[in-house]
C-alpha atoms as a PDB file:
ATOM      1  CA  MET A   1      72.093 112.275  63.935  1.00  0.00           C
ATOM      2  CA  LEU A   2      72.383 112.939  67.656  1.00  0.00           C
ATOM      3  CA  PHE A   3      68.928 114.506  67.781  1.00  0.00           C
ATOM      4  CA  SER A   4      67.251 111.547  66.049  1.00  0.00           C
ATOM      5  CA  ASN A   5      68.866 109.108  68.504  1.00  0.00           C
ATOM      6  CA  ARG A   6      67.482 111.113  71.408  1.00  0.00           C
ATOM      7  CA  ARG A   7      64.049 111.116  69.792  1.00  0.00           C
ATOM      8  CA  VAL A   8      64.231 107.339  69.370  1.00  0.00           C
ATOM      9  CA  GLU A   9      65.128 106.970  73.047  1.00  0.00           C
ATOM     10  CA  GLU A  10      62.210 109.208  74.029  1.00  0.00           C
ATOM     11  CA  GLU A  11      59.830 107.163  71.881  1.00  0.00           C
ATOM     12  CA  LEU A  12      61.115 103.925  73.407  1.00  0.00           C
ATOM     13  CA  GLU A  13      60.616 105.330  76.892  1.00  0.00           C
ATOM     14  CA  ARG A  14      57.023 106.341  76.048  1.00  0.00           C
ATOM     15  CA  ILE A  15      56.340 102.861  74.672  1.00  0.00           C
ATOM     16  CA  ARG A  16      57.756 101.225  77.793  1.00  0.00           C
ATOM     17  CA  LYS A  17      55.610 103.406  80.046  1.00  0.00           C
ATOM     18  CA  ALA A  18      52.511 102.686  77.958  1.00  0.00           C
ATOM     19  CA  ASN A  19      53.062  98.927  78.228  1.00  0.00           C
ATOM     20  CA  LEU A  20      53.496  98.882  81.992  1.00  0.00           C
ATOM     21  CA  PRO A  21      50.513  97.592  83.980  1.00  0.00           C
ATOM     22  CA  PRO A  22      48.709 100.208  86.045  1.00  0.00           C
ATOM     23  CA  ALA A  23      50.212 100.710  89.479  1.00  0.00           C
ATOM     24  CA  LYS A  24      48.271  99.132  92.342  1.00  0.00           C
ATOM     25  CA  PRO A  25      48.058 100.697  95.783  1.00  0.00           C
ATOM     26  CA  GLU A  26      50.086  99.019  98.516  1.00  0.00           C
ATOM     27  CA  GLU A  27      46.984  97.969 100.463  1.00  0.00           C
ATOM     28  CA  GLU A  28      45.474  96.220  97.440  1.00  0.00           C
ATOM     29  CA  VAL A  29      48.726  94.351  96.790  1.00  0.00           C
ATOM     30  CA  ALA A  30      48.815  93.186 100.415  1.00  0.00           C
ATOM     31  CA  VAL A  31      45.194  91.997 100.263  1.00  0.00           C
ATOM     32  CA  ILE A  32      45.832  90.070  97.057  1.00  0.00           C
ATOM     33  CA  ALA A  33      48.925  88.452  98.573  1.00  0.00           C
ATOM     34  CA  THR A  34      47.041  87.313 101.670  1.00  0.00           C
ATOM     35  CA  GLU A  35      44.163  85.958  99.552  1.00  0.00           C
ATOM     36  CA  GLU A  36      46.566  83.891  97.446  1.00  0.00           C
ATOM     37  CA  THR A  37      48.212  82.368 100.508  1.00  0.00           C
ATOM     38  CA  ALA A  38      44.799  81.654 102.038  1.00  0.00           C
ATOM     39  CA  GLU A  39      43.691  79.854  98.875  1.00  0.00           C
ATOM     40  CA  ASP A  40      46.857  77.763  98.893  1.00  0.00           C
ATOM     41  CA  ALA A  41      46.304  76.796 102.521  1.00  0.00           C
ATOM     42  CA  ASP A  42      42.720  75.631 101.882  1.00  0.00           C
ATOM     43  CA  VAL A  43      43.720  72.858  99.469  1.00  0.00           C
ATOM     44  CA  ASN A  44      43.403  69.525 101.245  1.00  0.00           C
ATOM     45  CA  ILE A  45      43.286  66.433  99.063  1.00  0.00           C
ATOM     46  CA  THR A  46      41.940  63.414 100.873  1.00  0.00           C
ATOM     47  CA  ALA A  47      41.820  59.758  99.887  1.00  0.00           C
ATOM     48  CA  LYS A  48      38.203  60.214  98.787  1.00  0.00           C
ATOM     49  CA  ASP A  49      39.261  62.988  96.398  1.00  0.00           C
ATOM     50  CA  ILE A  50      41.942  60.798  94.864  1.00  0.00           C
ATOM     51  CA  PHE A  51      39.470  57.924  94.540  1.00  0.00           C
ATOM     52  CA  ALA A  52      37.013  60.261  92.789  1.00  0.00           C
ATOM     53  CA  MET A  53      39.736  61.372  90.357  1.00  0.00           C
ATOM     54  CA  ILE A  54      40.613  57.756  89.567  1.00  0.00           C
ATOM     55  CA  ILE A  55      36.946  56.910  88.952  1.00  0.00           C
ATOM     56  CA  ALA A  56      36.609  59.961  86.681  1.00  0.00           C
ATOM     57  CA  ALA A  57      39.666  58.904  84.658  1.00  0.00           C
ATOM     58  CA  TYR A  58      38.319  55.359  84.319  1.00  0.00           C
ATOM     59  CA  SER A  59      34.936  56.657  83.216  1.00  0.00           C
ATOM     60  CA  ILE A  60      36.659  58.503  80.385  1.00  0.00           C
ATOM     61  CA  ILE A  61      39.059  55.725  79.343  1.00  0.00           C
ATOM     62  CA  LEU A  62      36.971  52.591  79.900  1.00  0.00           C
ATOM     63  CA  PRO A  63      34.450  53.029  77.034  1.00  0.00           C
ATOM     64  CA  TYR A  64      37.230  53.514  74.482  1.00  0.00           C
ATOM     65  CA  ALA A  65      39.147  50.523  75.829  1.00  0.00           C
ATOM     66  CA  ALA A  66      36.001  48.357  75.693  1.00  0.00           C
ATOM     67  CA  ILE A  67      35.329  49.400  72.088  1.00  0.00           C
ATOM     68  CA  PHE A  68      38.936  48.665  71.112  1.00  0.00           C
ATOM     69  CA  ILE A  69      38.842  45.218  72.742  1.00  0.00           C
ATOM     70  CA  GLY A  70      35.469  44.466  71.149  1.00  0.00           C
ATOM     71  CA  ILE A  71      36.651  45.402  67.662  1.00  0.00           C
ATOM     72  CA  THR A  72      39.834  43.395  68.154  1.00  0.00           C
ATOM     73  CA  ILE A  73      37.855  40.317  69.218  1.00  0.00           C
ATOM     74  CA  LEU A  74      35.500  40.781  66.250  1.00  0.00           C
ATOM     75  CA  PHE A  75      38.391  40.908  63.757  1.00  0.00           C
ATOM     76  CA  VAL A  76      40.075  37.880  65.337  1.00  0.00           C
ATOM     77  CA  TYR A  77      36.784  35.962  65.170  1.00  0.00           C
ATOM     78  CA  LEU A  78      36.214  36.935  61.513  1.00  0.00           C
ATOM     79  CA  PHE A  79      39.738  36.031  60.372  1.00  0.00           C
ATOM     80  CA  LEU A  80      39.956  32.749  62.292  1.00  0.00           C
ATOM     81  CA  ARG A  81      36.517  31.489  61.318  1.00  0.00           C
END
């Protein structure tokens, strides 16, 4: 029983090692870290960007709202006629 437990532990260790991501060199890790901070620093949202986002949201929502209001008015007109 003791030998099978050791074998199970060895198998688990092999599985853990196989599932680890490949090791990256220190220089590559440092470059990736500086690129991520540089990308975060470049994000500047201005009032024009916010206005563009609002217009984009309205352009998606407005047609559906107009159709809903039109159908509602049509039903009210047909039932109250």
